[in-house]
Amino acid sequence: MKKAVLDKNLCDRSPFCPASRSCRFDAIKRKVYGFFDVEIEIDKEKCTGCGVCVRYCPQGAIELVEE
């Protein structure tokens, strides 16, 4: 089964992350510490591997990987 994986080197950690907003399964979490101090994580337990977040990530920081 494929799961979404975030490349933190490519992620711009935007507080307006469109990929996190696109996830219908609430698998992408944004932890906001300040306006541009944001941490983005993918919960592999909630991820279904649908790939919607991959299409919405403008930086191309999310990819589907076989587990």
N, C-alpha and C. Protein backbone atom coordinates (compact mmCIF):
# COMPACT_ATOMS: atom_id res chain seq x y z
N MET A 1 0.84 -1.19 0.00
CA MET A 1 0.00 0.00 0.00
C MET A 1 0.88 1.25 0.00
N LYS A 2 0.51 2.21 -0.80
CA LYS A 2 1.28 3.46 -0.87
C LYS A 2 0.83 4.43 0.21
N LYS A 3 1.79 5.21 0.68
CA LYS A 3 1.55 6.26 1.68
C LYS A 3 2.27 7.53 1.26
N ALA A 4 1.73 8.66 1.66
CA ALA A 4 2.35 9.95 1.36
C ALA A 4 3.54 10.18 2.28
N VAL A 5 4.62 10.70 1.70
CA VAL A 5 5.84 11.01 2.45
C VAL A 5 6.24 12.44 2.11
N LEU A 6 6.60 13.20 3.13
CA LEU A 6 6.97 14.60 2.97
C LEU A 6 8.48 14.76 2.96
N ASP A 7 9.01 15.44 1.95
CA ASP A 7 10.42 15.79 1.90
C ASP A 7 10.55 17.17 2.55
N LYS A 8 11.03 17.19 3.77
CA LYS A 8 11.10 18.44 4.54
C LYS A 8 12.07 19.45 3.94
N ASN A 9 12.99 18.99 3.09
CA ASN A 9 13.92 19.91 2.43
C ASN A 9 13.23 20.70 1.32
N LEU A 10 12.20 20.14 0.71
CA LEU A 10 11.47 20.83 -0.36
C LEU A 10 10.29 21.63 0.17
N CYS A 11 9.76 21.24 1.32
CA CYS A 11 8.56 21.88 1.89
C CYS A 11 8.88 23.32 2.32
N ASP A 12 8.00 24.25 1.94
CA ASP A 12 8.21 25.65 2.34
C ASP A 12 7.54 25.98 3.68
N ARG A 13 6.86 25.01 4.28
CA ARG A 13 6.21 25.13 5.59
C ARG A 13 5.27 26.33 5.66
N SER A 14 4.48 26.47 4.62
CA SER A 14 3.53 27.57 4.55
C SER A 14 2.38 27.37 5.54
N PRO A 15 1.96 28.43 6.22
CA PRO A 15 0.80 28.32 7.11
C PRO A 15 -0.49 28.11 6.31
N PHE A 16 -0.43 28.31 5.00
CA PHE A 16 -1.61 28.16 4.14
C PHE A 16 -1.49 26.90 3.28
N CYS A 17 -0.75 25.93 3.71
CA CYS A 17 -0.43 24.70 2.97
C CYS A 17 -1.67 24.11 2.28
N PRO A 18 -1.72 24.18 0.93
CA PRO A 18 -2.87 23.65 0.22
C PRO A 18 -2.98 22.13 0.29
N ALA A 19 -1.85 21.45 0.45
CA ALA A 19 -1.89 19.99 0.55
C ALA A 19 -2.59 19.55 1.83
N SER A 20 -2.32 20.24 2.93
CA SER A 20 -2.97 19.87 4.19
C SER A 20 -4.46 20.15 4.16
N ARG A 21 -4.83 21.18 3.44
CA ARG A 21 -6.25 21.51 3.31
C ARG A 21 -6.98 20.56 2.37
N SER A 22 -6.23 19.91 1.47
CA SER A 22 -6.85 19.01 0.50
C SER A 22 -7.13 17.62 1.06
N CYS A 23 -6.50 17.26 2.17
CA CYS A 23 -6.63 15.90 2.70
C CYS A 23 -7.98 15.70 3.38
N ARG A 24 -8.78 14.83 2.81
CA ARG A 24 -10.11 14.54 3.36
C ARG A 24 -10.04 13.63 4.57
N PHE A 25 -8.88 13.02 4.80
CA PHE A 25 -8.73 12.06 5.89
C PHE A 25 -8.00 12.66 7.09
N ASP A 26 -7.72 13.96 7.04
CA ASP A 26 -7.06 14.69 8.12
C ASP A 26 -5.70 14.06 8.48
N ALA A 27 -4.98 13.60 7.45
CA ALA A 27 -3.70 12.94 7.67
C ALA A 27 -2.53 13.92 7.70
N ILE A 28 -2.72 15.13 7.19
CA ILE A 28 -1.64 16.13 7.18
C ILE A 28 -1.95 17.18 8.23
N LYS A 29 -1.03 17.30 9.17
CA LYS A 29 -1.20 18.24 10.28
C LYS A 29 -0.25 19.41 10.14
N ARG A 30 -0.77 20.60 10.43
CA ARG A 30 0.05 21.81 10.48
C ARG A 30 0.14 22.25 11.93
N LYS A 31 1.35 22.32 12.45
CA LYS A 31 1.57 22.85 13.79
C LYS A 31 2.13 24.25 13.61
N VAL A 32 1.36 25.25 13.99
CA VAL A 32 1.74 26.65 13.78
C VAL A 32 2.30 27.22 15.08
N TYR A 33 3.56 27.61 15.03
CA TYR A 33 4.21 28.21 16.19
C TYR A 33 4.30 29.73 16.03
N GLY A 34 4.33 30.20 14.82
CA GLY A 34 4.38 31.61 14.47
C GLY A 34 3.94 31.72 13.03
N PHE A 35 3.88 32.92 12.47
CA PHE A 35 3.33 33.08 11.13
C PHE A 35 4.07 32.24 10.10
N PHE A 36 5.39 32.28 10.10
CA PHE A 36 6.15 31.45 9.17
C PHE A 36 7.00 30.42 9.91
N ASP A 37 6.56 30.04 11.08
CA ASP A 37 7.20 28.98 11.85
C ASP A 37 6.18 27.86 11.97
N VAL A 38 6.12 27.03 10.92
CA VAL A 38 5.11 25.99 10.80
C VAL A 38 5.80 24.65 10.58
N GLU A 39 5.28 23.63 11.23
CA GLU A 39 5.77 22.27 11.02
C GLU A 39 4.64 21.46 10.40
N ILE A 40 4.94 20.74 9.34
CA ILE A 40 3.94 19.94 8.65
C ILE A 40 4.34 18.48 8.76
N GLU A 41 3.38 17.64 9.18
CA GLU A 41 3.63 16.21 9.34
C GLU A 41 2.51 15.42 8.70
N ILE A 42 2.85 14.22 8.23
CA ILE A 42 1.86 13.31 7.65
C ILE A 42 1.69 12.12 8.59
N ASP A 43 0.45 11.89 9.00
CA ASP A 43 0.12 10.77 9.87
C ASP A 43 -0.10 9.54 8.99
N LYS A 44 0.83 8.61 9.01
CA LYS A 44 0.75 7.44 8.13
C LYS A 44 -0.40 6.51 8.49
N GLU A 45 -0.88 6.58 9.72
CA GLU A 45 -2.02 5.75 10.12
C GLU A 45 -3.31 6.24 9.45
N LYS A 46 -3.41 7.54 9.24
CA LYS A 46 -4.62 8.11 8.63
C LYS A 46 -4.53 8.18 7.11
N CYS A 47 -3.32 8.18 6.58
CA CYS A 47 -3.11 8.31 5.13
C CYS A 47 -3.64 7.06 4.41
N THR A 48 -4.43 7.29 3.37
CA THR A 48 -4.97 6.18 2.58
C THR A 48 -4.23 6.00 1.26
N GLY A 49 -3.30 6.89 0.96
CA GLY A 49 -2.53 6.79 -0.28
C GLY A 49 -3.30 7.23 -1.51
N CYS A 50 -4.30 8.09 -1.32
CA CYS A 50 -5.15 8.52 -2.45
C CYS A 50 -4.40 9.43 -3.43
N GLY A 51 -3.38 10.17 -2.95
CA GLY A 51 -2.57 11.00 -3.82
C GLY A 51 -3.07 12.41 -4.05
N VAL A 52 -4.16 12.80 -3.43
CA VAL A 52 -4.68 14.16 -3.62
C VAL A 52 -3.67 15.20 -3.14
N CYS A 53 -3.03 14.96 -2.01
CA CYS A 53 -2.07 15.91 -1.47
C CYS A 53 -0.88 16.11 -2.41
N VAL A 54 -0.49 15.06 -3.12
CA VAL A 54 0.63 15.16 -4.07
C VAL A 54 0.30 16.18 -5.15
N ARG A 55 -0.93 16.15 -5.64
CA ARG A 55 -1.35 17.09 -6.70
C ARG A 55 -1.47 18.52 -6.18
N TYR A 56 -1.78 18.69 -4.90
CA TYR A 56 -1.99 20.03 -4.35
C TYR A 56 -0.72 20.68 -3.79
N CYS A 57 0.35 19.92 -3.61
CA CYS A 57 1.59 20.49 -3.05
C CYS A 57 2.33 21.28 -4.13
N PRO A 58 2.40 22.62 -4.02
CA PRO A 58 3.04 23.43 -5.06
C PRO A 58 4.55 23.24 -5.13
N GLN A 59 5.17 22.77 -4.05
CA GLN A 59 6.61 22.58 -4.03
C GLN A 59 7.02 21.19 -4.50
N GLY A 60 6.06 20.29 -4.66
CA GLY A 60 6.39 18.92 -5.03
C GLY A 60 7.09 18.17 -3.91
N ALA A 61 6.78 18.55 -2.67
CA ALA A 61 7.45 17.99 -1.51
C ALA A 61 6.81 16.69 -1.00
N ILE A 62 5.68 16.31 -1.57
CA ILE A 62 5.00 15.09 -1.14
C ILE A 62 4.98 14.10 -2.29
N GLU A 63 5.32 12.86 -1.98
CA GLU A 63 5.25 11.80 -2.97
C GLU A 63 4.66 10.56 -2.32
N LEU A 64 4.10 9.68 -3.15
CA LEU A 64 3.57 8.41 -2.66
C LEU A 64 4.67 7.37 -2.76
N VAL A 65 4.86 6.63 -1.65
CA VAL A 65 5.91 5.63 -1.58
C VAL A 65 5.29 4.31 -1.13
N GLU A 66 5.70 3.24 -1.76
CA GLU A 66 5.23 1.91 -1.38
C GLU A 66 5.82 1.54 -0.02
N GLU A 67 4.97 1.06 0.87
CA GLU A 67 5.47 0.65 2.20
C GLU A 67 5.67 -0.83 2.27
